[in-house]
PDB file of N, CA and C in Angstrom:
ATOM      1  N   MET A   1       7.697  -6.593 -10.264  1.00  0.00           N
ATOM      2  CA  MET A   1       7.066  -6.039  -9.079  1.00  0.00           C
ATOM      3  C   MET A   1       7.978  -4.976  -8.482  1.00  0.00           C
ATOM      4  N   ARG A   2       7.361  -4.023  -7.813  1.00  0.00           N
ATOM      5  CA  ARG A   2       8.124  -2.934  -7.220  1.00  0.00           C
ATOM      6  C   ARG A   2       7.432  -2.442  -5.956  1.00  0.00           C
ATOM      7  N   THR A   3       8.142  -1.661  -5.172  1.00  0.00           N
ATOM      8  CA  THR A   3       7.557  -1.092  -3.966  1.00  0.00           C
ATOM      9  C   THR A   3       7.442   0.425  -4.064  1.00  0.00           C
ATOM     10  N   LEU A   4       8.318   1.078  -4.829  1.00  0.00           N
ATOM     11  CA  LEU A   4       8.346   2.535  -4.901  1.00  0.00           C
ATOM     12  C   LEU A   4       7.332   3.038  -5.915  1.00  0.00           C
ATOM     13  N   ILE A   5       6.372   3.810  -5.458  1.00  0.00           N
ATOM     14  CA  ILE A   5       5.383   4.396  -6.350  1.00  0.00           C
ATOM     15  C   ILE A   5       5.240   5.874  -6.041  1.00  0.00           C
ATOM     16  N   GLU A   6       4.859   6.625  -7.030  1.00  0.00           N
ATOM     17  CA  GLU A   6       4.747   8.068  -6.903  1.00  0.00           C
ATOM     18  C   GLU A   6       3.314   8.484  -6.603  1.00  0.00           C
ATOM     19  N   ALA A   7       3.149   9.717  -6.138  1.00  0.00           N
ATOM     20  CA  ALA A   7       1.824  10.254  -5.859  1.00  0.00           C
ATOM     21  C   ALA A   7       0.996  10.278  -7.142  1.00  0.00           C
ATOM     22  N   LYS A   8      -0.285  10.037  -7.006  1.00  0.00           N
ATOM     23  CA  LYS A   8      -1.273  10.011  -8.091  1.00  0.00           C
ATOM     24  C   LYS A   8      -1.182   8.762  -8.959  1.00  0.00           C
ATOM     25  N   GLU A   9      -0.307   7.837  -8.618  1.00  0.00           N
ATOM     26  CA  GLU A   9      -0.143   6.601  -9.389  1.00  0.00           C
ATOM     27  C   GLU A   9      -1.109   5.541  -8.864  1.00  0.00           C
ATOM     28  N   GLU A  10      -1.762   4.845  -9.786  1.00  0.00           N
ATOM     29  CA  GLU A  10      -2.695   3.785  -9.421  1.00  0.00           C
ATOM     30  C   GLU A  10      -2.057   2.436  -9.746  1.00  0.00           C
ATOM     31  N   VAL A  11      -2.036   1.530  -8.780  1.00  0.00           N
ATOM     32  CA  VAL A  11      -1.368   0.232  -8.936  1.00  0.00           C
ATOM     33  C   VAL A  11      -2.216  -0.873  -8.319  1.00  0.00           C
ATOM     34  N   ILE A  12      -1.822  -2.101  -8.591  1.00  0.00           N
ATOM     35  CA  ILE A  12      -2.476  -3.276  -8.012  1.00  0.00           C
ATOM     36  C   ILE A  12      -1.487  -3.957  -7.074  1.00  0.00           C
ATOM     37  N   ILE A  13      -1.944  -4.287  -5.878  1.00  0.00           N
ATOM     38  CA  ILE A  13      -1.092  -5.000  -4.926  1.00  0.00           C
ATOM     39  C   ILE A  13      -0.904  -6.424  -5.427  1.00  0.00           C
ATOM     40  N   LYS A  14       0.347  -6.829  -5.581  1.00  0.00           N
ATOM     41  CA  LYS A  14       0.674  -8.181  -6.056  1.00  0.00           C
ATOM     42  C   LYS A  14       0.995  -9.131  -4.909  1.00  0.00           C
ATOM     43  N   GLU A  15       1.714  -8.616  -3.909  1.00  0.00           N
ATOM     44  CA  GLU A  15       2.179  -9.474  -2.816  1.00  0.00           C
ATOM     45  C   GLU A  15       2.510  -8.600  -1.607  1.00  0.00           C
ATOM     46  N   ILE A  16       2.340  -9.159  -0.422  1.00  0.00           N
ATOM     47  CA  ILE A  16       2.739  -8.471   0.801  1.00  0.00           C
ATOM     48  C   ILE A  16       3.722  -9.377   1.522  1.00  0.00           C
ATOM     49  N   LYS A  17       4.967  -8.903   1.659  1.00  0.00           N
ATOM     50  CA  LYS A  17       6.033  -9.707   2.270  1.00  0.00           C
ATOM     51  C   LYS A  17       6.176  -9.329   3.738  1.00  0.00           C
ATOM     52  N   CYS A  18       5.414 -10.012   4.582  1.00  0.00           N
ATOM     53  CA  CYS A  18       5.453  -9.723   6.015  1.00  0.00           C
ATOM     54  C   CYS A  18       5.002 -10.954   6.791  1.00  0.00           C
ATOM     55  N   ASP A  19       5.034 -10.837   8.100  1.00  0.00           N
ATOM     56  CA  ASP A  19       4.581 -11.956   8.914  1.00  0.00           C
ATOM     57  C   ASP A  19       3.047 -12.028   8.925  1.00  0.00           C
ATOM     58  N   PHE A  20       2.543 -13.106   9.449  1.00  0.00           N
ATOM     59  CA  PHE A  20       1.101 -13.368   9.449  1.00  0.00           C
ATOM     60  C   PHE A  20       0.309 -12.272  10.151  1.00  0.00           C
ATOM     61  N   TYR A  21       0.821 -11.762  11.262  1.00  0.00           N
ATOM     62  CA  TYR A  21       0.078 -10.789  12.068  1.00  0.00           C
ATOM     63  C   TYR A  21      -0.068  -9.446  11.342  1.00  0.00           C
ATOM     64  N   LEU A  22       1.007  -8.983  10.694  1.00  0.00           N
ATOM     65  CA  LEU A  22       0.915  -7.746   9.934  1.00  0.00           C
ATOM     66  C   LEU A  22       0.019  -7.940   8.710  1.00  0.00           C
ATOM     67  N   PHE A  23       0.142  -9.097   8.056  1.00  0.00           N
ATOM     68  CA  PHE A  23      -0.711  -9.379   6.900  1.00  0.00           C
ATOM     69  C   PHE A  23      -2.183  -9.329   7.306  1.00  0.00           C
ATOM     70  N   ARG A  24      -2.510  -9.931   8.421  1.00  0.00           N
ATOM     71  CA  ARG A  24      -3.891  -9.963   8.903  1.00  0.00           C
ATOM     72  C   ARG A  24      -4.380  -8.555   9.250  1.00  0.00           C
ATOM     73  N   LYS A  25      -3.515  -7.751   9.855  1.00  0.00           N
ATOM     74  CA  LYS A  25      -3.883  -6.380  10.196  1.00  0.00           C
ATOM     75  C   LYS A  25      -4.136  -5.554   8.932  1.00  0.00           C
ATOM     76  N   LEU A  26      -3.243  -5.664   7.946  1.00  0.00           N
ATOM     77  CA  LEU A  26      -3.424  -4.934   6.696  1.00  0.00           C
ATOM     78  C   LEU A  26      -4.689  -5.386   5.976  1.00  0.00           C
ATOM     79  N   ALA A  27      -4.923  -6.688   5.944  1.00  0.00           N
ATOM     80  CA  ALA A  27      -6.124  -7.224   5.287  1.00  0.00           C
ATOM     81  C   ALA A  27      -7.390  -6.709   5.967  1.00  0.00           C
ATOM     82  N   SER A  28      -7.370  -6.577   7.279  1.00  0.00           N
ATOM     83  CA  SER A  28      -8.550  -6.086   7.985  1.00  0.00           C
ATOM     84  C   SER A  28      -8.832  -4.617   7.653  1.00  0.00           C
ATOM     85  N   MET A  29      -7.803  -3.897   7.191  1.00  0.00           N
ATOM     86  CA  MET A  29      -7.978  -2.498   6.794  1.00  0.00           C
ATOM     87  C   MET A  29      -8.243  -2.366   5.289  1.00  0.00           C
ATOM     88  N   GLY A  30      -8.254  -3.499   4.580  1.00  0.00           N
ATOM     89  CA  GLY A  30      -8.552  -3.470   3.154  1.00  0.00           C
ATOM     90  C   GLY A  30      -7.344  -3.542   2.250  1.00  0.00           C
ATOM     91  N   ILE A  31      -6.141  -3.657   2.806  1.00  0.00           N
ATOM     92  CA  ILE A  31      -4.920  -3.760   2.003  1.00  0.00           C
ATOM     93  C   ILE A  31      -4.596  -5.240   1.840  1.00  0.00           C
ATOM     94  N   ALA A  32      -4.800  -5.744   0.621  1.00  0.00           N
ATOM     95  CA  ALA A  32      -4.600  -7.172   0.358  1.00  0.00           C
ATOM     96  C   ALA A  32      -4.227  -7.362  -1.110  1.00  0.00           C
ATOM     97  N   PRO A  33      -3.616  -8.497  -1.457  1.00  0.00           N
ATOM     98  CA  PRO A  33      -3.288  -8.777  -2.852  1.00  0.00           C
ATOM     99  C   PRO A  33      -4.523  -8.672  -3.754  1.00  0.00           C
ATOM    100  N   SER A  34      -4.291  -8.208  -4.970  1.00  0.00           N
ATOM    101  CA  SER A  34      -5.302  -7.996  -6.003  1.00  0.00           C
ATOM    102  C   SER A  34      -6.101  -6.711  -5.804  1.00  0.00           C
ATOM    103  N   ARG A  35      -5.870  -5.989  -4.742  1.00  0.00           N
ATOM    104  CA  ARG A  35      -6.583  -4.728  -4.481  1.00  0.00           C
ATOM    105  C   ARG A  35      -5.933  -3.611  -5.296  1.00  0.00           C
ATOM    106  N   LYS A  36      -6.739  -2.810  -5.956  1.00  0.00           N
ATOM    107  CA  LYS A  36      -6.243  -1.644  -6.690  1.00  0.00           C
ATOM    108  C   LYS A  36      -6.220  -0.466  -5.722  1.00  0.00           C
ATOM    109  N   ILE A  37      -5.042   0.185  -5.617  1.00  0.00           N
ATOM    110  CA  ILE A  37      -4.900   1.343  -4.736  1.00  0.00           C
ATOM    111  C   ILE A  37      -4.310   2.511  -5.518  1.00  0.00           C
ATOM    112  N   LYS A  38      -4.519   3.708  -4.991  1.00  0.00           N
ATOM    113  CA  LYS A  38      -3.944   4.907  -5.587  1.00  0.00           C
ATOM    114  C   LYS A  38      -3.242   5.685  -4.501  1.00  0.00           C
ATOM    115  N   VAL A  39      -2.014   6.114  -4.788  1.00  0.00           N
ATOM    116  CA  VAL A  39      -1.280   6.930  -3.831  1.00  0.00           C
ATOM    117  C   VAL A  39      -1.809   8.358  -3.953  1.00  0.00           C
ATOM    118  N   ILE A  40      -2.408   8.846  -2.897  1.00  0.00           N
ATOM    119  CA  ILE A  40      -2.968  10.192  -2.867  1.00  0.00           C
ATOM    120  C   ILE A  40      -1.849  11.210  -2.638  1.00  0.00           C
ATOM    121  N   ALA A  41      -0.988  10.919  -1.670  1.00  0.00           N
ATOM    122  CA  ALA A  41       0.135  11.808  -1.357  1.00  0.00           C
ATOM    123  C   ALA A  41       1.277  10.982  -0.791  1.00  0.00           C
ATOM    124  N   ARG A  42       2.473  11.504  -0.994  1.00  0.00           N
ATOM    125  CA  ARG A  42       3.675  10.843  -0.488  1.00  0.00           C
ATOM    126  C   ARG A  42       4.549  11.918   0.139  1.00  0.00           C
ATOM    127  N   VAL A  43       4.845  11.770   1.421  1.00  0.00           N
ATOM    128  CA  VAL A  43       5.699  12.711   2.133  1.00  0.00           C
ATOM    129  C   VAL A  43       7.136  12.212   2.015  1.00  0.00           C
ATOM    130  N   LYS A  44       8.050  13.098   1.630  1.00  0.00           N
ATOM    131  CA  LYS A  44       9.452  12.689   1.492  1.00  0.00           C
ATOM    132  C   LYS A  44       9.959  12.114   2.810  1.00  0.00           C
ATOM    133  N   ASN A  45      10.473  10.901   2.752  1.00  0.00           N
ATOM    134  CA  ASN A  45      10.956  10.176   3.946  1.00  0.00           C
ATOM    135  C   ASN A  45       9.882  10.056   5.017  1.00  0.00           C
ATOM    136  N   GLY A  46       8.632   9.974   4.587  1.00  0.00           N
ATOM    137  CA  GLY A  46       7.532   9.869   5.532  1.00  0.00           C
ATOM    138  C   GLY A  46       6.459   8.938   5.001  1.00  0.00           C
ATOM    139  N   PRO A  47       5.288   8.998   5.605  1.00  0.00           N
ATOM    140  CA  PRO A  47       4.216   8.068   5.242  1.00  0.00           C
ATOM    141  C   PRO A  47       3.587   8.343   3.881  1.00  0.00           C
ATOM    142  N   LEU A  48       2.831   7.365   3.416  1.00  0.00           N
ATOM    143  CA  LEU A  48       2.056   7.489   2.186  1.00  0.00           C
ATOM    144  C   LEU A  48       0.584   7.524   2.555  1.00  0.00           C
ATOM    145  N   ILE A  49      -0.177   8.307   1.827  1.00  0.00           N
ATOM    146  CA  ILE A  49      -1.624   8.289   1.976  1.00  0.00           C
ATOM    147  C   ILE A  49      -2.155   7.577   0.743  1.00  0.00           C
ATOM    148  N   VAL A  50      -2.818   6.436   0.954  1.00  0.00           N
ATOM    149  CA  VAL A  50      -3.347   5.664  -0.164  1.00  0.00           C
ATOM    150  C   VAL A  50      -4.863   5.643  -0.105  1.00  0.00           C
ATOM    151  N   GLY A  51      -5.463   5.562  -1.269  1.00  0.00           N
ATOM    152  CA  GLY A  51      -6.907   5.498  -1.357  1.00  0.00           C
ATOM    153  C   GLY A  51      -7.341   4.269  -2.126  1.00  0.00           C
ATOM    154  N   PHE A  52      -8.476   3.726  -1.750  1.00  0.00           N
ATOM    155  CA  PHE A  52      -9.077   2.595  -2.447  1.00  0.00           C
ATOM    156  C   PHE A  52     -10.555   2.602  -2.127  1.00  0.00           C
ATOM    157  N   GLU A  53     -11.353   2.291  -3.134  1.00  0.00           N
ATOM    158  CA  GLU A  53     -12.809   2.378  -3.019  1.00  0.00           C
ATOM    159  C   GLU A  53     -13.173   3.730  -2.410  1.00  0.00           C
ATOM    160  N   ASN A  54     -13.834   3.767  -1.275  1.00  0.00           N
ATOM    161  CA  ASN A  54     -14.212   5.035  -0.635  1.00  0.00           C
ATOM    162  C   ASN A  54     -13.427   5.280   0.642  1.00  0.00           C
ATOM    163  N   SER A  55     -12.208   4.766   0.710  1.00  0.00           N
ATOM    164  CA  SER A  55     -11.403   4.864   1.926  1.00  0.00           C
ATOM    165  C   SER A  55     -10.040   5.478   1.640  1.00  0.00           C
ATOM    166  N   MET A  56      -9.441   6.041   2.684  1.00  0.00           N
ATOM    167  CA  MET A  56      -8.056   6.504   2.633  1.00  0.00           C
ATOM    168  C   MET A  56      -7.353   5.976   3.874  1.00  0.00           C
ATOM    169  N   LEU A  57      -6.063   5.694   3.711  1.00  0.00           N
ATOM    170  CA  LEU A  57      -5.291   5.098   4.786  1.00  0.00           C
ATOM    171  C   LEU A  57      -3.876   5.654   4.744  1.00  0.00           C
ATOM    172  N   VAL A  58      -3.297   5.933   5.899  1.00  0.00           N
ATOM    173  CA  VAL A  58      -1.913   6.380   5.988  1.00  0.00           C
ATOM    174  C   VAL A  58      -1.057   5.163   6.321  1.00  0.00           C
ATOM    175  N   ILE A  59      -0.013   4.947   5.527  1.00  0.00           N
ATOM    176  CA  ILE A  59       0.868   3.785   5.709  1.00  0.00           C
ATOM    177  C   ILE A  59       2.297   4.281   5.898  1.00  0.00           C
ATOM    178  N   SER A  60       2.972   3.762   6.906  1.00  0.00           N
ATOM    179  CA  SER A  60       4.372   4.142   7.140  1.00  0.00           C
ATOM    180  C   SER A  60       5.239   3.621   5.997  1.00  0.00           C
ATOM    181  N   THR A  61       6.391   4.232   5.815  1.00  0.00           N
ATOM    182  CA  THR A  61       7.298   3.775   4.758  1.00  0.00           C
ATOM    183  C   THR A  61       7.796   2.361   5.047  1.00  0.00           C
ATOM    184  N   GLU A  62       7.937   2.026   6.324  1.00  0.00           N
ATOM    185  CA  GLU A  62       8.391   0.674   6.692  1.00  0.00           C
ATOM    186  C   GLU A  62       7.385  -0.380   6.219  1.00  0.00           C
ATOM    187  N   ILE A  63       6.117  -0.137   6.458  1.00  0.00           N
ATOM    188  CA  ILE A  63       5.071  -1.084   6.024  1.00  0.00           C
ATOM    189  C   ILE A  63       4.935  -1.030   4.510  1.00  0.00           C
ATOM    190  N   ALA A  64       4.962   0.170   3.933  1.00  0.00           N
ATOM    191  CA  ALA A  64       4.821   0.307   2.475  1.00  0.00           C
ATOM    192  C   ALA A  64       5.916  -0.459   1.732  1.00  0.00           C
ATOM    193  N   SER A  65       7.101  -0.540   2.319  1.00  0.00           N
ATOM    194  CA  SER A  65       8.202  -1.250   1.657  1.00  0.00           C
ATOM    195  C   SER A  65       7.963  -2.758   1.580  1.00  0.00           C
ATOM    196  N   LYS A  66       7.005  -3.267   2.333  1.00  0.00           N
ATOM    197  CA  LYS A  66       6.678  -4.695   2.307  1.00  0.00           C
ATOM    198  C   LYS A  66       5.585  -5.027   1.294  1.00  0.00           C
ATOM    199  N   ILE A  67       5.002  -4.006   0.681  1.00  0.00           N
ATOM    200  CA  ILE A  67       3.890  -4.198  -0.258  1.00  0.00           C
ATOM    201  C   ILE A  67       4.438  -4.122  -1.685  1.00  0.00           C
ATOM    202  N   MET A  68       4.388  -5.247  -2.388  1.00  0.00           N
ATOM    203  CA  MET A  68       4.847  -5.326  -3.766  1.00  0.00           C
ATOM    204  C   MET A  68       3.681  -5.018  -4.699  1.00  0.00           C
ATOM    205  N   VAL A  69       3.899  -4.136  -5.651  1.00  0.00           N
ATOM    206  CA  VAL A  69       2.829  -3.709  -6.533  1.00  0.00           C
ATOM    207  C   VAL A  69       3.224  -3.878  -8.004  1.00  0.00           C
ATOM    208  N   GLY A  70       2.230  -3.821  -8.862  1.00  0.00           N
ATOM    209  CA  GLY A  70       2.445  -3.864 -10.309  1.00  0.00           C
ATOM    210  C   GLY A  70       1.395  -2.997 -10.977  1.00  0.00           C
ATOM    211  N   ASP A  71       1.548  -2.833 -12.274  1.00  0.00           N
ATOM    212  CA  ASP A  71       0.598  -1.999 -13.025  1.00  0.00           C
ATOM    213  C   ASP A  71      -0.662  -2.716 -13.359  1.00  0.00           C
TER     214      ASP A  71
END
């Protein structure tokens, strides 16, 4: 599992290492284990823009570092 992914890379969320409240907030936005996401853009030392299904979401690097992904 890893947290660092590049732009245009498609991955599956394996685990989210955070407290219950952040997990619930992410899940309500569609970010949950087993979800396939694609990084649309990555700003150096800044947020990531991820896409899944018909949605896009901006995630801070702090939150993104808690999301473990795999191929």
